[in-house]
Amino acid sequence: MKNSTLLYALFLLLLVALIISGSKCTSDAAAVDAHKAQESRLIVALDGQYAYQESANAFVDGQSIGVVTSGGSQYIRVDEGNHVVSATTVNVPQTFTNTVLVKANTFFTYNVPCEPGKATVSVEGLYAADNTKIHVYIQGVQRAVIAPGESETIVNIQPSIDVPFVFKDDSGKIRYSLTKTILYKSTNSVFVPYQ
């Protein structure tokens, strides 16, 4: 009877040891699954014609992930699903915010679009009384000649703060001028009044 009690005690001890080691395997498996859940990366980078002159403060789901510079990027490990990406450019202050879907075990790159802006310039029809067209200068470079009462969209304007627009008649006389902030990928409107 003593031997059977001893065998029973050893059996129980072995059973308890197996249960404890089995629970360790389960928690290790859960840790591996949790690690696999964050195998995705969300990368924030600058992209576009004017990325070389820009930097941006990047955030994912409200958490700062650092400053993105030209030719560089910042990333964060994320779970699969929707994430809010926000980047605020420094030289031309503008905030880009988008919700992106990141799939499991992928690298998702969100590009901050540092692309040129454009402006639609409309010239008042009264300039016809002076028999002149309006010559449009942006940042000191002639970009268009527009007839009275007409409009033209000027593309590839370098984004910047206080971009000078000067409007001259056929004789070279300045008829109107203004400064305007041109944001990345922006569409702007400018009306040239008769003066």
Foldseek 3Di string as FASTA:
>chain_A
DVVVVVVVVVVVVVVVVVVVVVVVVVVVVVVVVVVQQQLEKEKEEADEDCQQPKKKFKDKQNHTQGIHHRPGITMDGDGFAKIWIWIAIDQQGDIDIDIDGTHGNYYHYDYDYQYWEKEKEAEAQVCVVVVWWKFKAKQRRTQDTGHHRDIDMGTRHRFGFFIKIFIAIPVRHTQDIGTHGTGGHYYYYHYRYGD
